[in-house]
Protein backbone atom coordinates (compact mmCIF):
# COMPACT_ATOMS: atom_id res chain seq x y z
CA MET A 1 167.00 77.84 136.64
CA VAL A 2 166.68 78.82 133.02
CA GLY A 3 163.38 79.86 131.66
CA GLY A 4 161.63 79.95 134.86
CA ALA A 5 161.00 82.38 137.85
CA VAL A 6 164.35 83.13 139.73
CA GLY A 7 164.55 84.86 143.04
CA GLY A 8 161.10 86.26 142.80
CA GLN A 9 161.33 87.69 139.38
CA ALA A 10 159.11 86.57 136.47
CA LEU A 11 160.18 85.75 132.97
CA SER A 12 159.75 89.33 131.92
CA GLY A 13 162.22 90.44 134.47
CA ARG A 14 159.84 92.48 136.73
CA THR A 15 159.13 91.36 140.26
CA SER A 16 155.54 90.38 141.52
CA GLY A 17 155.12 93.65 143.29
CA ALA A 18 155.95 95.76 140.50
CA ARG A 19 153.48 98.31 138.95
CA PRO A 20 151.61 97.22 136.08
CA GLY A 21 152.73 98.29 132.37
CA ARG A 22 150.90 100.57 130.00
CA ALA A 23 148.13 97.85 129.15
CA GLY A 24 147.20 97.47 132.66
CA ALA A 25 146.93 101.19 133.08
CA ARG A 26 144.68 101.39 130.10
CA ALA A 27 142.66 98.59 131.51
CA LEU A 28 142.13 100.45 134.71
CA ALA A 29 141.23 103.84 133.17
CA ALA A 30 138.75 101.78 131.08
CA LEU A 31 137.17 100.33 134.00
CA ALA A 32 137.12 103.66 135.92
CA ALA A 33 135.21 105.04 132.97
CA LEU A 34 133.02 102.48 132.79
CA ALA A 35 132.44 102.61 136.64
CA ALA A 36 131.47 106.34 135.99
CA LEU A 37 129.22 105.90 133.09
CA VAL A 38 127.13 103.06 134.70
CA PRO A 39 125.38 105.48 137.12
CA VAL A 40 124.77 108.13 134.42
CA LEU A 41 123.18 105.51 132.31
CA TRP A 42 121.17 104.22 135.04
CA LEU A 43 119.68 107.61 135.92
CA GLY A 44 118.91 108.04 132.45
CA GLY A 45 116.69 105.42 132.20
CA CYS A 46 114.62 107.10 134.93
CA ALA A 47 114.07 110.30 133.03
CA GLN A 48 110.61 111.37 131.82
CA PRO A 49 109.75 110.64 128.38
CA ALA A 50 109.58 113.52 125.97
CA LYS A 51 106.43 115.28 125.89
CA PRO A 52 104.41 114.98 122.79
CA MET A 53 104.64 118.21 120.21
CA TYR A 54 100.83 118.34 119.98
CA HIS A 55 97.54 117.40 121.83
CA TRP A 56 96.27 114.89 119.36
CA GLY A 57 93.35 113.48 121.54
CA GLY A 58 90.79 112.02 119.19
CA TYR A 59 91.25 114.16 116.35
CA GLU A 60 92.27 111.67 113.87
CA ARG A 61 89.39 109.55 114.74
CA GLN A 62 87.16 112.63 114.12
CA VAL A 63 88.52 113.33 110.77
CA TYR A 64 88.20 109.67 109.88
CA ALA A 65 84.79 109.63 111.17
CA TYR A 66 83.84 112.93 108.90
CA LEU A 67 85.50 111.64 105.71
CA ASN A 68 83.81 108.02 105.92
CA SER A 69 80.22 109.95 106.54
CA ASP A 70 79.85 108.44 110.18
CA THR A 71 76.58 108.55 111.62
CA SER A 72 77.43 111.67 113.68
CA THR A 73 76.67 115.16 112.71
CA ALA A 74 78.92 118.07 112.12
CA ALA A 75 77.41 119.59 115.47
CA GLU A 76 78.37 116.48 117.38
CA GLN A 77 81.70 116.24 115.85
CA LEU A 78 82.34 119.91 116.41
CA GLY A 79 81.45 119.55 120.04
CA ILE A 80 83.77 116.84 120.58
CA LEU A 81 86.59 118.78 118.91
CA GLN A 82 85.90 121.91 120.99
CA ALA A 83 86.08 119.47 124.03
CA GLN A 84 89.53 118.21 122.91
CA ALA A 85 90.87 122.03 122.09
CA GLU A 86 89.72 122.81 125.77
CA LYS A 87 91.76 120.00 127.02
CA ALA A 88 94.62 120.97 124.85
CA ARG A 89 94.47 124.40 126.58
CA ALA A 90 94.36 123.18 130.00
CA GLN A 91 97.41 120.91 129.46
CA GLN A 92 99.18 124.04 127.75
CA ALA A 93 99.65 121.41 124.89
CA ALA A 94 99.60 122.81 121.13
CA LEU A 95 96.81 121.61 118.81
CA PRO A 96 97.83 119.80 115.80
CA PRO A 97 98.19 120.64 112.22
CA GLY A 98 94.88 120.77 110.50
CA PHE A 99 92.87 120.87 113.54
CA ARG A 100 91.53 124.56 113.55
CA ALA A 101 91.01 124.16 109.57
CA HIS A 102 88.83 120.94 110.40
CA VAL A 103 86.92 122.86 113.02
CA GLY A 104 86.42 125.74 110.22
CA LEU A 105 85.19 123.25 107.83
CA LEU A 106 82.55 121.83 110.20
CA GLN A 107 81.64 125.55 111.19
CA LEU A 108 81.18 126.24 107.38
CA HIS A 109 79.10 123.05 107.03
CA LEU A 110 76.93 124.36 110.02
CA GLY A 111 76.31 127.67 108.50
CA ASN A 112 78.88 129.70 110.30
CA PRO A 113 81.25 131.19 107.47
CA ASP A 114 82.54 133.86 110.01
CA GLU A 115 83.56 131.51 112.52
CA ALA A 116 85.01 129.14 109.53
CA ARG A 117 86.91 132.17 108.38
CA ARG A 118 88.28 133.02 111.91
CA GLN A 119 89.35 129.14 112.03
CA LEU A 120 91.22 128.98 108.89
CA GLN A 121 93.05 132.34 109.58
CA ALA A 122 93.99 130.84 112.93
CA GLU A 123 95.33 127.45 111.28
CA LYS A 124 97.37 130.01 108.80
CA ALA A 125 98.64 131.90 111.90
CA ALA A 126 99.59 128.84 113.73
CA PHE A 127 101.02 126.85 110.60
CA ALA A 128 102.92 128.99 108.22
CA GLU A 129 103.40 126.13 105.80
CA ALA A 130 99.80 125.86 105.37
CA ALA A 131 99.37 129.51 104.36
CA PRO A 132 99.08 128.70 100.70
CA PHE A 133 96.34 126.28 101.04
CA MET A 134 94.61 128.30 103.78
CA ASP A 135 94.81 131.46 101.28
CA PHE A 136 93.13 129.25 98.70
CA LEU A 137 90.49 128.18 101.22
CA LEU A 138 89.68 131.70 102.38
CA ALA A 139 89.54 132.92 98.73
CA ARG A 140 87.04 130.22 97.93
CA LEU A 141 85.27 131.21 100.94
CA ASP A 142 84.80 134.70 99.93
CA GLN A 143 83.62 133.63 96.61
CA ARG A 144 80.92 131.44 98.11
CA PRO A 145 77.50 132.82 97.75
CA ALA A 146 75.55 133.50 100.91
CA ALA A 147 73.68 130.28 101.99
CA ALA A 148 71.05 129.27 104.27
CA PRO A 149 72.47 127.48 107.17
CA ALA A 150 72.34 123.64 107.25
CA ALA A 151 69.59 122.02 109.10
CA PRO A 152 70.87 121.29 112.72
CA GLY A 153 72.03 117.76 112.90
CA SER A 154 71.99 116.92 109.17
CA ALA A 155 74.88 114.23 108.23
CA SER A 156 74.06 113.22 104.95
CA PRO A 157 76.76 114.19 102.50
CA ALA A 158 74.41 115.92 100.19
CA ALA A 159 73.88 118.07 102.97
CA LYS A 160 77.53 119.34 103.21
CA PRO A 161 77.80 122.58 101.38
CA ALA A 162 80.54 122.65 98.83
CA LEU A 163 82.71 125.54 98.13
CA PRO A 164 82.36 127.40 94.71
CA ALA A 165 84.34 125.62 91.86
CA THR A 166 87.80 127.24 91.04
CA ALA A 167 88.09 129.40 87.82
CA ALA A 168 89.48 126.95 85.63
CA SER A 169 86.48 124.27 86.33
CA ALA A 170 84.04 127.25 86.03
CA ALA A 171 85.27 128.41 82.45
CA LYS A 172 84.85 124.30 81.47
CA ALA A 173 81.32 124.76 82.49
CA PRO A 174 78.63 124.98 79.55
């Protein structure tokens, strides 16, 4: 019989009990690799999600409320932020960038320049990239005349003490 299977041999010249060729060996190796990879991927899906770098809490909402002259007072906002800082410490989480600087700003508005300075210096120590801006704020704080503390619970924008003008803007004043 020409062109067919003769005596248990296929057209390729091999018998049906012969070992697979190179293509078959590659397929078996790929199947073995896939079988080893599936459990690894499956277990990887059970891994814990990455822990956030910072404890944000409600910090963003507090900044938004402050910038929009919300009805909450500086003292109320400060209390909320201090509670968030305690929660972060309890969870051994880092405070986000700007948190201490915002607390310092609130302290300044409440008439506590020494605490404001401490918070700005802490922000500078925690985030080296903030050092130039914190130095600028600290220098302006040093130029600030001693003022009476703000009335407790004042929330109006007019009650927010401003830092003194820079030398360039002071030179332009008549």
